[in-house]
N, C-alpha and C. Protein backbone atom coordinates (compact mmCIF):
# COMPACT_ATOMS: atom_id res chain seq x y z
N MET A 1 0.75 -1.19 -0.14
CA MET A 1 -0.15 -0.10 0.16
C MET A 1 1.02 1.37 0.05
N THR A 2 0.79 2.37 -0.85
CA THR A 2 1.32 3.57 -1.17
C THR A 2 0.97 4.51 0.18
N PRO A 3 1.91 5.29 0.53
CA PRO A 3 1.70 6.28 1.76
C PRO A 3 0.35 7.00 1.41
N VAL A 4 0.39 7.32 -0.02
CA VAL A 4 -0.89 8.21 -0.25
C VAL A 4 -2.07 7.35 -0.14
N LEU A 5 -2.04 6.38 -0.66
CA LEU A 5 -3.34 5.46 -0.44
C LEU A 5 -3.51 5.40 1.05
N ARG A 6 -2.72 4.89 1.84
CA ARG A 6 -2.83 4.54 3.29
C ARG A 6 -3.61 5.81 4.01
N VAL A 7 -3.09 6.98 3.70
CA VAL A 7 -3.59 8.43 4.24
C VAL A 7 -4.98 8.32 3.92
N VAL A 8 -5.44 8.49 2.60
CA VAL A 8 -6.75 8.33 1.97
C VAL A 8 -7.35 7.54 2.68
N ILE A 9 -7.17 5.90 3.19
CA ILE A 9 -8.12 5.14 3.49
C ILE A 9 -8.08 5.36 5.26
N PHE A 10 -7.12 5.73 5.83
CA PHE A 10 -7.11 6.05 7.24
C PHE A 10 -7.79 7.20 7.55
N SER A 11 -7.87 8.28 6.55
CA SER A 11 -8.89 9.81 6.70
C SER A 11 -10.24 9.25 7.06
N VAL A 12 -10.73 8.82 5.73
CA VAL A 12 -11.87 8.03 5.49
C VAL A 12 -12.49 7.55 6.77
N SER A 13 -11.34 6.61 6.86
CA SER A 13 -11.96 5.48 8.05
C SER A 13 -12.35 6.31 9.51
N SER A 14 -11.31 7.29 9.51
CA SER A 14 -11.28 8.17 10.92
C SER A 14 -12.41 9.01 10.87
N PHE A 15 -12.82 9.81 9.94
CA PHE A 15 -14.04 10.19 9.63
C PHE A 15 -15.22 9.65 9.96
N LEU A 16 -15.42 8.55 9.26
CA LEU A 16 -16.87 8.01 9.38
C LEU A 16 -16.44 7.13 10.70
N PHE A 17 -15.77 6.84 11.63
CA PHE A 17 -15.60 6.91 13.04
C PHE A 17 -16.04 7.66 14.03
N LEU A 18 -15.33 8.74 13.60
CA LEU A 18 -15.79 10.10 14.69
C LEU A 18 -16.89 10.26 14.16
N PHE A 19 -17.68 10.23 13.29
CA PHE A 19 -18.90 10.72 12.68
C PHE A 19 -19.86 9.64 13.53
N VAL A 20 -19.75 8.41 13.67
CA VAL A 20 -20.65 7.32 14.42
C VAL A 20 -20.56 7.76 15.84
N VAL A 21 -19.06 8.35 16.46
CA VAL A 21 -19.01 8.30 18.07
C VAL A 21 -20.04 9.90 17.97
N THR A 22 -19.76 10.65 17.14
CA THR A 22 -20.59 12.14 17.72
C THR A 22 -21.81 12.01 17.73
N LYS A 23 -22.61 10.73 16.77
CA LYS A 23 -24.05 10.69 17.08
C LYS A 23 -24.36 10.07 18.11
N ILE A 24 -23.77 9.01 18.83
CA ILE A 24 -23.91 8.24 19.58
C ILE A 24 -24.11 9.47 20.92
N MET A 25 -23.00 10.38 20.93
CA MET A 25 -22.46 11.00 21.83
C MET A 25 -23.98 12.33 22.17
N GLY A 26 -24.56 12.70 21.01
CA GLY A 26 -25.67 13.13 20.69
C GLY A 26 -25.38 14.72 20.20
N LYS A 27 -26.36 15.49 19.76
CA LYS A 27 -26.20 17.09 19.33
C LYS A 27 -25.48 17.82 20.35
N LYS A 28 -25.41 17.56 21.54
CA LYS A 28 -24.74 18.58 22.41
C LYS A 28 -23.34 18.85 21.91
N GLN A 29 -22.89 17.98 21.10
CA GLN A 29 -21.11 18.09 20.69
C GLN A 29 -21.27 19.41 19.77
N ILE A 30 -22.40 19.56 19.05
CA ILE A 30 -22.51 20.40 18.11
C ILE A 30 -23.38 21.95 18.37
N ALA A 31 -23.83 21.57 19.55
CA ALA A 31 -24.63 22.32 20.15
C ALA A 31 -24.33 23.58 21.05
N GLN A 32 -24.49 23.32 22.61
CA GLN A 32 -24.13 23.86 23.48
C GLN A 32 -23.18 22.97 23.98
N LEU A 33 -21.83 23.54 24.03
CA LEU A 33 -20.79 22.54 24.61
C LEU A 33 -20.67 22.94 25.97
N SER A 34 -20.60 22.11 26.84
CA SER A 34 -19.93 22.55 28.38
C SER A 34 -18.39 22.08 28.29
N PHE A 35 -18.06 22.04 29.38
CA PHE A 35 -16.46 21.67 29.62
C PHE A 35 -15.88 20.19 29.40
N LEU A 36 -16.59 19.70 29.58
CA LEU A 36 -16.51 18.03 28.95
C LEU A 36 -16.32 17.84 27.72
N ASP A 37 -17.40 18.52 26.96
CA ASP A 37 -17.97 18.28 25.50
C ASP A 37 -16.65 18.78 25.26
N TYR A 38 -16.35 19.93 25.53
CA TYR A 38 -15.12 20.64 24.64
C TYR A 38 -13.59 19.84 24.85
N VAL A 39 -13.39 19.20 26.07
CA VAL A 39 -12.33 18.41 26.04
C VAL A 39 -12.42 16.99 25.32
N ILE A 40 -13.52 16.46 25.51
CA ILE A 40 -13.33 15.37 24.45
C ILE A 40 -13.44 15.73 23.37
N GLY A 41 -14.05 16.59 22.64
CA GLY A 41 -14.25 16.81 21.17
C GLY A 41 -13.15 17.32 20.61
N ILE A 42 -12.35 18.14 21.47
CA ILE A 42 -10.89 18.20 20.92
C ILE A 42 -10.12 17.18 21.15
N SER A 43 -10.30 16.30 21.63
CA SER A 43 -9.49 15.14 22.09
C SER A 43 -9.60 13.92 20.84
N LEU A 44 -11.11 13.70 20.32
CA LEU A 44 -11.36 12.91 19.81
C LEU A 44 -10.83 13.28 18.33
N GLY A 45 -10.95 14.86 17.78
CA GLY A 45 -10.29 15.62 16.42
C GLY A 45 -8.81 14.99 16.47
N SER A 46 -8.30 15.46 17.75
CA SER A 46 -7.05 15.32 17.79
C SER A 46 -6.72 13.87 17.01
N ILE A 47 -7.04 12.80 17.88
CA ILE A 47 -6.65 11.24 17.67
C ILE A 47 -7.01 10.92 16.39
N ALA A 48 -8.19 11.34 15.96
CA ALA A 48 -8.72 11.31 14.23
C ALA A 48 -7.83 11.79 13.49
N ALA A 49 -7.02 12.87 13.79
CA ALA A 49 -6.30 13.63 12.62
C ALA A 49 -4.96 13.20 12.77
N GLU A 50 -4.53 12.70 13.91
CA GLU A 50 -3.28 11.59 14.03
C GLU A 50 -3.29 10.40 13.43
N MET A 51 -4.60 9.64 13.40
CA MET A 51 -4.56 8.49 13.00
C MET A 51 -4.41 8.73 11.15
N SER A 52 -4.87 9.87 10.57
CA SER A 52 -4.72 10.03 9.29
C SER A 52 -3.36 10.13 8.66
N THR A 53 -2.44 10.66 9.57
CA THR A 53 -1.12 10.71 9.12
C THR A 53 -0.06 10.22 9.57
N ASP A 54 -0.44 9.48 10.91
CA ASP A 54 0.67 8.43 11.46
C ASP A 54 0.84 6.75 10.97
N PRO A 55 1.74 6.91 10.15
CA PRO A 55 2.11 5.27 9.36
C PRO A 55 2.46 4.17 10.46
N ASP A 56 2.88 4.50 11.67
CA ASP A 56 3.92 3.87 12.31
C ASP A 56 2.98 3.22 13.17
N ARG A 57 1.87 3.47 13.53
CA ARG A 57 1.15 2.77 14.79
C ARG A 57 -0.14 2.18 13.86
N PRO A 58 -0.41 0.70 14.73
CA PRO A 58 -1.69 0.33 14.25
C PRO A 58 -2.71 1.20 14.13
N PHE A 59 -3.58 1.10 13.22
CA PHE A 59 -4.96 2.00 13.21
C PHE A 59 -6.03 1.78 14.18
N TYR A 60 -5.97 0.18 14.73
CA TYR A 60 -6.89 -0.01 15.64
C TYR A 60 -6.21 0.57 17.14
N HIS A 61 -5.51 1.16 17.09
CA HIS A 61 -4.89 1.98 18.27
C HIS A 61 -5.47 3.08 18.34
N PHE A 62 -5.92 3.55 16.87
CA PHE A 62 -6.70 4.99 17.10
C PHE A 62 -8.35 4.85 17.40
N PHE A 63 -8.52 3.63 16.97
CA PHE A 63 -9.82 3.30 17.25
C PHE A 63 -10.16 3.04 18.97
N ILE A 64 -9.47 2.09 19.43
CA ILE A 64 -9.70 1.88 21.09
C ILE A 64 -9.51 3.22 21.70
N ALA A 65 -8.50 4.30 21.52
CA ALA A 65 -8.39 5.56 22.24
C ALA A 65 -9.74 6.54 21.72
N MET A 66 -10.17 6.51 20.73
CA MET A 66 -11.55 7.10 20.68
C MET A 66 -12.74 6.36 20.88
N ALA A 67 -12.87 5.23 21.26
CA ALA A 67 -13.73 4.43 22.11
C ALA A 67 -13.97 4.75 23.23
N ILE A 68 -12.85 4.69 24.05
CA ILE A 68 -12.39 5.13 25.66
C ILE A 68 -12.92 6.67 25.64
N TYR A 69 -12.71 7.59 24.87
CA TYR A 69 -13.14 8.65 25.16
C TYR A 69 -14.83 8.82 25.01
N LEU A 70 -15.07 8.01 23.91
CA LEU A 70 -16.80 7.88 23.94
C LEU A 70 -17.26 7.24 25.30
N VAL A 71 -16.71 6.31 25.91
CA VAL A 71 -17.18 5.72 27.26
C VAL A 71 -17.10 6.32 28.35
N MET A 72 -15.82 7.36 28.44
CA MET A 72 -15.76 8.20 29.55
C MET A 72 -16.78 9.02 29.23
N ASP A 73 -17.24 9.69 28.22
CA ASP A 73 -18.29 10.57 28.39
C ASP A 73 -19.66 10.31 28.64
N VAL A 74 -20.03 8.88 28.23
CA VAL A 74 -21.15 8.29 28.60
C VAL A 74 -21.25 8.50 30.17
N VAL A 75 -20.40 7.77 30.62
CA VAL A 75 -20.18 7.06 32.24
C VAL A 75 -20.15 8.43 32.82
N LEU A 76 -19.56 9.63 32.37
CA LEU A 76 -19.46 10.78 33.30
C LEU A 76 -20.80 11.59 33.22
N THR A 77 -21.30 11.62 32.15
CA THR A 77 -22.80 12.02 31.74
C THR A 77 -23.91 11.41 32.26
N LEU A 78 -23.55 10.14 32.83
CA LEU A 78 -24.81 9.42 33.63
C LEU A 78 -24.49 9.96 34.96
N LEU A 79 -23.16 9.53 35.63
CA LEU A 79 -22.90 10.07 36.82
C LEU A 79 -23.19 11.39 37.17
N ALA A 80 -22.98 12.33 36.31
CA ALA A 80 -23.52 14.08 36.58
C ALA A 80 -25.13 13.93 36.63
N ARG A 81 -25.70 13.00 36.28
CA ARG A 81 -27.43 13.09 36.14
C ARG A 81 -27.67 12.47 37.42
N LYS A 82 -26.73 11.79 38.23
CA LYS A 82 -27.12 11.08 39.54
C LYS A 82 -26.63 12.06 40.58
N GLY A 83 -25.81 12.85 40.46
CA GLY A 83 -24.89 13.56 41.50
C GLY A 83 -24.87 15.29 41.48
N THR A 84 -25.62 16.00 42.22
CA THR A 84 -25.57 17.35 41.70
C THR A 84 -24.23 17.99 41.66
N LEU A 85 -23.09 17.53 42.88
CA LEU A 85 -22.00 18.01 42.65
C LEU A 85 -21.15 17.91 41.91
N LEU A 86 -20.93 16.32 41.19
CA LEU A 86 -20.40 16.10 39.98
C LEU A 86 -20.86 16.95 38.83
N LYS A 87 -22.07 17.01 38.77
CA LYS A 87 -23.00 17.81 37.56
C LYS A 87 -21.97 19.09 37.55
N LYS A 88 -22.02 19.79 38.75
CA LYS A 88 -21.93 21.33 39.16
C LYS A 88 -20.00 21.08 38.60
N PHE A 89 -19.38 20.36 38.64
CA PHE A 89 -18.03 20.26 38.85
C PHE A 89 -17.69 20.13 37.18
N LEU A 90 -18.09 18.88 36.69
CA LEU A 90 -18.10 19.07 35.19
C LEU A 90 -18.89 19.92 34.24
N ARG A 91 -20.30 20.42 34.68
CA ARG A 91 -20.68 21.52 33.58
C ARG A 91 -20.36 22.58 34.15
N GLY A 92 -19.88 23.30 35.38
CA GLY A 92 -19.95 24.55 35.92
C GLY A 92 -21.47 24.73 36.40
N ARG A 93 -21.63 26.32 36.48
CA ARG A 93 -22.79 26.55 37.05
C ARG A 93 -23.20 28.10 36.56
N PRO A 94 -24.61 28.36 36.30
CA PRO A 94 -24.77 29.66 35.61
C PRO A 94 -24.31 30.67 36.56
N LEU A 95 -23.76 32.07 36.33
CA LEU A 95 -23.61 33.30 36.94
C LEU A 95 -24.10 34.18 36.58
N ILE A 96 -24.73 34.86 37.67
CA ILE A 96 -25.56 36.27 37.31
C ILE A 96 -24.38 37.30 37.26
N LEU A 97 -24.32 37.87 36.44
CA LEU A 97 -23.54 39.13 35.88
C LEU A 97 -24.20 40.20 36.23
N VAL A 98 -25.40 40.45 35.60
CA VAL A 98 -26.26 41.86 36.24
C VAL A 98 -27.18 41.39 37.11
N GLU A 99 -27.42 41.96 38.20
CA GLU A 99 -28.58 41.50 39.17
C GLU A 99 -29.36 42.59 39.87
N ASN A 100 -30.36 42.89 39.61
CA ASN A 100 -31.09 44.39 39.73
C ASN A 100 -30.41 45.20 39.20
N GLY A 101 -30.43 45.13 38.01
CA GLY A 101 -29.58 46.39 37.04
C GLY A 101 -28.05 46.41 37.40
N LYS A 102 -27.46 46.10 38.58
CA LYS A 102 -26.13 46.31 38.77
C LYS A 102 -25.28 45.00 38.51
N ILE A 103 -24.14 45.52 38.05
CA ILE A 103 -23.21 44.62 37.26
C ILE A 103 -22.51 43.73 38.78
N ASN A 104 -22.44 42.74 38.94
CA ASN A 104 -21.98 41.73 39.73
C ASN A 104 -20.30 41.58 39.35
N TYR A 105 -19.46 42.14 40.19
CA TYR A 105 -18.10 42.50 39.24
C TYR A 105 -17.56 40.98 39.96
N LYS A 106 -17.91 40.35 40.84
CA LYS A 106 -17.34 39.02 41.68
C LYS A 106 -17.47 38.14 40.70
N ASN A 107 -18.44 37.64 40.13
CA ASN A 107 -19.12 36.88 39.09
C ASN A 107 -18.47 37.11 37.92
N LEU A 108 -18.73 38.79 37.54
CA LEU A 108 -17.88 38.96 36.22
C LEU A 108 -16.22 38.32 36.15
N THR A 109 -15.63 38.60 37.48
CA THR A 109 -14.19 38.10 37.26
C THR A 109 -14.13 36.73 37.15
N ARG A 110 -15.21 35.94 38.29
CA ARG A 110 -14.87 34.48 38.48
C ARG A 110 -15.33 33.90 36.65
N SER A 111 -16.23 34.47 36.01
CA SER A 111 -16.23 33.94 34.53
C SER A 111 -15.33 34.26 33.62
N LYS A 112 -14.23 34.81 33.97
CA LYS A 112 -13.16 35.16 33.10
C LYS A 112 -13.88 36.22 31.82
N LEU A 113 -14.74 37.42 31.90
CA LEU A 113 -14.72 38.22 31.34
C LEU A 113 -14.52 39.57 31.67
N ASP A 114 -14.68 40.70 30.81
CA ASP A 114 -14.33 41.86 31.49
C ASP A 114 -15.58 42.77 30.88
N ILE A 115 -15.62 43.94 31.54
CA ILE A 115 -16.52 44.69 31.03
C ILE A 115 -16.99 44.69 29.59
N ASN A 116 -15.99 44.71 28.90
CA ASN A 116 -16.06 44.67 27.36
C ASN A 116 -16.85 43.68 26.80
N ASP A 117 -16.49 42.49 27.27
CA ASP A 117 -17.05 41.43 26.94
C ASP A 117 -18.62 41.38 27.21
N LEU A 118 -18.85 41.87 28.53
CA LEU A 118 -20.56 41.99 29.02
C LEU A 118 -20.97 42.56 28.09
N LEU A 119 -20.58 43.81 28.14
CA LEU A 119 -21.32 45.12 26.94
C LEU A 119 -21.43 44.12 25.79
N SER A 120 -20.52 43.61 24.89
CA SER A 120 -20.57 42.98 23.99
C SER A 120 -21.60 42.15 23.58
N LEU A 121 -21.76 41.06 25.04
CA LEU A 121 -22.64 40.25 24.90
C LEU A 121 -24.05 40.46 25.17
N CYS A 122 -24.25 41.70 25.78
CA CYS A 122 -25.82 42.19 25.61
C CYS A 122 -26.22 42.94 24.46
N ARG A 123 -25.23 43.59 23.79
CA ARG A 123 -25.73 43.99 22.64
C ARG A 123 -25.64 43.15 21.22
N VAL A 124 -25.34 41.86 21.54
CA VAL A 124 -25.72 40.79 20.77
C VAL A 124 -27.19 40.29 21.13
N LYS A 125 -27.71 40.53 22.19
CA LYS A 125 -28.84 40.33 22.61
C LYS A 125 -29.92 41.18 22.35
N GLY A 126 -29.14 43.02 21.77
CA GLY A 126 -30.05 43.71 21.45
C GLY A 126 -30.46 44.76 22.66
N TYR A 127 -29.60 44.90 23.61
CA TYR A 127 -29.65 45.63 24.52
C TYR A 127 -28.40 46.33 24.48
N PHE A 128 -28.58 47.61 24.07
CA PHE A 128 -27.42 48.72 23.92
C PHE A 128 -27.04 49.12 25.60
N ASP A 129 -28.13 49.36 25.95
CA ASP A 129 -28.06 50.06 27.63
C ASP A 129 -28.01 49.09 28.64
N LEU A 130 -27.19 49.20 29.57
CA LEU A 130 -27.41 48.02 30.64
C LEU A 130 -28.85 48.50 31.64
N ARG A 131 -29.14 49.98 31.30
CA ARG A 131 -30.20 50.44 31.91
C ARG A 131 -31.76 49.47 31.92
N ASP A 132 -31.63 48.83 30.66
CA ASP A 132 -32.52 47.86 30.14
C ASP A 132 -32.54 46.74 30.77
N VAL A 133 -31.48 46.19 31.35
CA VAL A 133 -31.00 44.64 31.52
C VAL A 133 -31.21 44.60 32.91
N ALA A 134 -32.58 44.02 33.66
CA ALA A 134 -32.38 43.66 35.27
C ALA A 134 -31.72 42.59 35.62
N TYR A 135 -31.64 41.60 34.99
CA TYR A 135 -30.76 40.16 34.93
C TYR A 135 -30.15 39.84 33.83
N CYS A 136 -28.56 39.25 34.04
CA CYS A 136 -27.75 38.85 32.87
C CYS A 136 -27.18 37.53 33.57
N ILE A 137 -27.48 36.52 32.83
CA ILE A 137 -27.18 35.37 33.38
C ILE A 137 -25.97 34.97 32.50
N PHE A 138 -24.77 34.26 32.72
CA PHE A 138 -24.08 33.64 31.99
C PHE A 138 -24.15 32.33 32.13
N GLU A 139 -24.77 31.86 31.03
CA GLU A 139 -24.98 30.11 30.87
C GLU A 139 -23.47 29.23 31.00
N THR A 140 -23.71 27.97 31.24
CA THR A 140 -22.71 27.24 31.05
C THR A 140 -22.28 26.63 29.61
N SER A 141 -23.23 27.14 28.99
CA SER A 141 -22.84 27.06 27.63
C SER A 141 -22.05 28.00 26.94
N GLY A 142 -22.11 29.03 27.84
CA GLY A 142 -21.33 30.42 27.05
C GLY A 142 -22.05 31.46 26.50
N ASN A 143 -23.18 31.26 26.69
CA ASN A 143 -24.50 32.43 26.18
C ASN A 143 -24.84 33.00 27.17
N VAL A 144 -25.34 34.13 27.16
CA VAL A 144 -26.06 34.94 28.26
C VAL A 144 -27.79 34.95 28.26
N SER A 145 -28.36 34.88 29.19
CA SER A 145 -29.73 34.89 29.24
C SER A 145 -29.91 36.41 29.92
N ILE A 146 -31.01 37.05 29.13
CA ILE A 146 -31.17 38.26 29.92
C ILE A 146 -32.49 38.46 30.23
N LEU A 147 -33.15 39.08 31.32
CA LEU A 147 -34.37 39.35 31.88
C LEU A 147 -34.47 41.32 31.57
N PRO A 148 -35.58 41.33 30.93
CA PRO A 148 -35.00 43.03 30.62
C PRO A 148 -35.69 43.60 31.72
N SER A 149 -35.37 44.95 32.29
CA SER A 149 -36.04 45.97 33.04
C SER A 149 -37.09 46.63 33.10
N ALA A 150 -37.97 46.87 34.02
CA ALA A 150 -39.24 47.86 33.68
C ALA A 150 -38.95 48.85 32.64
N ARG A 151 -37.66 49.29 32.73
CA ARG A 151 -37.82 50.65 31.82
C ARG A 151 -37.80 50.08 30.45
N ALA A 152 -36.97 48.99 29.97
CA ALA A 152 -37.13 48.61 28.71
C ALA A 152 -38.67 47.86 28.24
N VAL A 153 -39.53 47.19 29.31
CA VAL A 153 -40.54 46.79 29.17
C VAL A 153 -41.41 47.91 28.73
N ASN A 154 -41.52 49.04 29.80
CA ASN A 154 -42.22 50.24 29.50
C ASN A 154 -41.96 50.88 28.10
N ALA A 155 -40.78 51.02 27.98
CA ALA A 155 -40.50 51.48 26.71
C ALA A 155 -41.04 51.04 25.25
N LYS A 156 -41.14 49.45 25.39
CA LYS A 156 -41.84 49.06 24.31
C LYS A 156 -43.50 49.32 24.35
N SER A 157 -43.81 49.74 25.78
CA SER A 157 -45.32 50.31 25.36
C SER A 157 -45.66 51.33 25.65
N THR A 158 -45.14 51.88 24.87
CA THR A 158 -45.47 53.34 24.87
C THR A 158 -46.94 53.85 24.43
N GLU A 159 -47.39 54.60 25.34
CA GLU A 159 -48.79 54.93 25.15
C GLU A 159 -48.88 55.82 23.84
N VAL A 160 -49.90 55.70 22.92
CA VAL A 160 -50.23 56.27 21.84
C VAL A 160 -50.49 57.61 21.83
N GLY A 161 -49.91 58.57 20.99
CA GLY A 161 -49.74 59.77 21.07
C GLY A 161 -48.45 60.05 21.89
N ALA A 162 -47.69 59.44 22.35
CA ALA A 162 -46.75 60.03 23.23
C ALA A 162 -45.42 60.33 22.10
N THR A 163 -44.53 60.97 22.70
CA THR A 163 -43.42 61.19 21.54
C THR A 163 -42.53 60.45 22.09
N PRO A 164 -41.56 59.74 22.08
CA PRO A 164 -40.66 59.07 22.63
C PRO A 164 -39.00 60.09 22.20
N LEU A 165 -38.49 59.72 22.90
CA LEU A 165 -37.00 60.53 22.79
C LEU A 165 -36.09 59.90 21.77
N PRO A 166 -35.85 60.38 20.99
CA PRO A 166 -34.81 59.54 20.00
C PRO A 166 -33.90 58.95 20.24
N PRO A 167 -33.38 57.97 19.89
CA PRO A 167 -32.52 56.68 20.52
C PRO A 167 -31.02 57.62 20.10
N ALA A 168 -30.01 57.18 21.15
CA ALA A 168 -28.96 57.83 21.06
C ALA A 168 -27.93 56.83 21.71
N LEU A 169 -26.83 56.46 21.10
CA LEU A 169 -25.88 55.39 21.73
C LEU A 169 -25.41 56.00 23.05
N SER A 170 -25.60 55.16 23.95
CA SER A 170 -24.69 55.82 25.41
C SER A 170 -23.10 55.45 25.18
N LYS A 171 -22.51 56.29 25.79
CA LYS A 171 -20.93 56.06 25.77
C LYS A 171 -20.53 55.65 27.32
N ASP A 172 -19.21 54.57 27.12
CA ASP A 172 -19.00 54.38 28.32
C ASP A 172 -17.77 54.87 29.09
N VAL A 173 -17.70 55.56 30.04
CA VAL A 173 -16.67 56.80 29.80
C VAL A 173 -15.72 56.50 30.97
N VAL A 174 -16.29 55.27 31.73
CA VAL A 174 -15.10 54.56 32.77
C VAL A 174 -15.35 53.20 32.52
N VAL A 175 -14.49 52.46 32.27
CA VAL A 175 -14.51 50.90 32.05
C VAL A 175 -13.33 50.29 32.72
N ASP A 176 -13.70 49.20 33.61
CA ASP A 176 -12.77 48.63 35.10
C ASP A 176 -11.67 49.67 35.42
N GLY A 177 -12.57 50.70 35.96
CA GLY A 177 -11.40 51.67 36.87
C GLY A 177 -10.81 52.48 35.78
N LYS A 178 -10.60 52.55 34.47
CA LYS A 178 -9.90 53.43 33.66
C LYS A 178 -10.88 54.66 33.07
N VAL A 179 -10.58 55.46 32.93
CA VAL A 179 -11.41 56.66 32.12
C VAL A 179 -11.10 56.59 30.72
N VAL A 180 -12.53 56.69 29.93
CA VAL A 180 -12.00 56.29 28.37
C VAL A 180 -12.05 57.93 27.82
N THR A 181 -11.16 58.44 27.71
CA THR A 181 -10.90 60.04 27.15
C THR A 181 -11.77 60.16 26.20
N ARG A 182 -11.34 59.07 25.09
CA ARG A 182 -12.12 59.05 23.48
C ARG A 182 -13.54 59.48 23.62
N ALA A 183 -14.25 58.83 24.75
CA ALA A 183 -15.81 58.71 24.94
C ALA A 183 -16.02 60.03 25.53
N LEU A 184 -15.31 60.80 26.38
CA LEU A 184 -15.50 62.10 26.83
C LEU A 184 -15.71 63.01 25.88
N ASP A 185 -14.88 63.03 25.00
CA ASP A 185 -14.78 63.69 23.95
C ASP A 185 -15.62 64.12 22.76
N GLU A 186 -16.52 62.64 22.89
CA GLU A 186 -17.32 62.43 22.05
C GLU A 186 -18.53 62.82 22.09
N VAL A 187 -18.56 62.94 23.64
CA VAL A 187 -19.99 64.05 23.91
C VAL A 187 -19.60 65.06 24.75
N GLY A 188 -18.50 66.00 24.39
CA GLY A 188 -18.02 67.11 24.63
C GLY A 188 -17.74 67.18 26.16
N LYS A 189 -17.37 66.45 27.25
CA LYS A 189 -17.31 66.79 28.20
C LYS A 189 -15.95 66.11 28.80
N SER A 190 -15.27 66.65 29.80
CA SER A 190 -14.25 66.86 29.97
C SER A 190 -14.01 65.65 31.61
N ALA A 191 -12.66 65.51 31.91
CA ALA A 191 -12.59 64.82 32.90
C ALA A 191 -12.61 65.02 34.11
N GLU A 192 -12.46 66.58 34.33
CA GLU A 192 -13.13 66.87 35.89
C GLU A 192 -14.55 67.12 35.89
N TRP A 193 -15.08 67.16 34.81
CA TRP A 193 -16.75 67.04 34.83
C TRP A 193 -17.41 65.62 35.09
N LEU A 194 -16.79 64.81 34.62
CA LEU A 194 -16.54 63.47 35.09
C LEU A 194 -16.56 62.96 36.41
N TYR A 195 -15.41 63.68 37.36
CA TYR A 195 -15.31 63.36 38.67
C TYR A 195 -16.22 64.06 39.57
N ARG A 196 -16.67 65.46 39.18
CA ARG A 196 -17.66 66.05 39.57
C ARG A 196 -19.01 65.44 39.76
N ARG A 197 -19.34 65.00 38.36
CA ARG A 197 -20.61 63.80 38.52
C ARG A 197 -20.43 62.64 39.29
N LEU A 198 -19.29 62.06 39.13
CA LEU A 198 -18.93 60.70 40.24
C LEU A 198 -19.03 61.13 41.66
N GLY A 199 -18.28 62.07 41.76
CA GLY A 199 -18.09 62.50 43.19
C GLY A 199 -16.80 61.93 43.69
N VAL A 200 -15.96 61.60 43.00
CA VAL A 200 -14.80 61.06 43.11
C VAL A 200 -13.62 62.10 42.59
N ASP A 201 -12.42 61.59 43.09
CA ASP A 201 -11.07 62.19 42.30
C ASP A 201 -10.49 61.40 41.48
N ALA A 202 -9.57 61.85 40.89
CA ALA A 202 -8.82 60.54 39.85
C ALA A 202 -8.24 59.46 40.59
N ASP A 203 -7.66 59.20 41.61
CA ASP A 203 -7.83 58.08 42.22
C ASP A 203 -9.08 56.95 42.62
N GLY A 204 -10.16 57.81 43.14
CA GLY A 204 -11.30 57.01 43.07
C GLY A 204 -11.87 56.32 42.01
N VAL A 205 -11.52 56.78 41.01
CA VAL A 205 -12.14 55.97 39.72
C VAL A 205 -11.77 54.64 39.66
N ASP A 206 -10.79 54.11 40.27
CA ASP A 206 -10.31 52.59 40.34
C ASP A 206 -11.52 52.13 41.22
N LYS A 207 -12.39 52.45 41.77
CA LYS A 207 -13.41 51.20 42.53
C LYS A 207 -14.66 51.59 41.66
N ILE A 208 -14.52 51.99 40.64
CA ILE A 208 -15.76 51.98 39.52
C ILE A 208 -15.39 50.96 38.06
N ALA A 209 -16.38 49.93 38.46
CA ALA A 209 -16.26 49.01 37.02
C ALA A 209 -16.90 49.66 35.77
N LEU A 210 -18.18 50.08 35.70
CA LEU A 210 -18.29 50.90 34.54
C LEU A 210 -19.07 52.33 34.89
N ALA A 211 -19.09 53.31 34.33
CA ALA A 211 -19.99 54.32 34.30
C ALA A 211 -20.15 54.62 32.67
N THR A 212 -21.47 54.53 32.73
CA THR A 212 -21.84 55.28 31.33
C THR A 212 -22.74 56.56 31.25
N TYR A 213 -22.70 57.27 30.29
CA TYR A 213 -23.03 58.82 29.96
C TYR A 213 -24.23 58.43 29.14
N HIS A 214 -25.47 58.78 29.22
CA HIS A 214 -26.61 58.74 28.59
C HIS A 214 -27.07 60.19 27.96
N PRO A 215 -26.31 60.27 26.70
CA PRO A 215 -26.71 61.78 26.24
C PRO A 215 -28.29 62.63 26.15
N GLU A 216 -29.09 61.29 25.81
CA GLU A 216 -30.62 61.82 25.60
C GLU A 216 -30.90 62.10 26.52
N CYS A 217 -30.67 62.06 28.13
CA CYS A 217 -31.07 62.43 29.30
C CYS A 217 -30.27 63.08 30.02
N ASP A 218 -28.88 63.14 29.64
CA ASP A 218 -27.60 63.51 30.58
C ASP A 218 -27.99 62.92 31.92
N GLU A 219 -27.58 61.72 31.86
CA GLU A 219 -27.79 60.92 32.88
C GLU A 219 -26.40 60.07 32.76
N LEU A 220 -25.90 59.79 34.07
CA LEU A 220 -24.58 58.54 34.40
C LEU A 220 -24.98 57.75 35.32
N SER A 221 -25.26 56.65 34.63
CA SER A 221 -25.24 55.28 35.45
C SER A 221 -23.93 54.53 35.80
N VAL A 222 -23.79 54.22 36.67
CA VAL A 222 -22.47 53.81 37.48
C VAL A 222 -22.51 52.63 38.04
N HIS A 223 -21.84 51.31 37.86
CA HIS A 223 -21.32 50.13 38.52
C HIS A 223 -20.61 50.56 39.27
N TYR A 224 -20.41 50.01 40.35
CA TYR A 224 -19.00 49.87 41.22
C TYR A 224 -18.89 48.57 41.42
N LYS A 225 -17.10 48.16 41.38
CA LYS A 225 -16.55 46.77 41.98
C LYS A 225 -17.00 46.25 42.83
């Protein structure tokens, strides 16, 4: 058997075997991945790729290795269903990033996210203003679930005849304890104005996780660490 033909046959074989393994493990491998799914998925892909290009090892060694990962996933998944502690260890648990309209900075740090990541996740869900977010939960799948605030709900049910304020993008003037000078320039404000509105000096800004200026109503919303 020529080396090229061997690579072709082993590549097709590893693909078919990996396809069968993934079908057995279920659609979670292509949907909402947990830590366990992520580790096993990468491992299976690595073994399958090595099988295609390594001519020195017997092919059945790779099949055995992939089968072991399949068994480990099935066993650990069944055990996790039986025990809450093991499930939390393997799957993790949801973290509340915004609670009652305020950023939970401790959980934000625990989730390995920063303020910009949180704002980006909220924008993806259609929330450009944190005042419209009552609760934001970081799920074990890496997605966020958002419960809108009363402000957001009321805005969607505007009375007939009322003239809503024109929409305007809010500006994050303090992020993770750092003053965003560019944002202040865009709204025509100075650092001294910001310190006065916050009631702090330059050193006190370190305690602020996020300060957002809302130009449509000249308001400043603040979230502390």
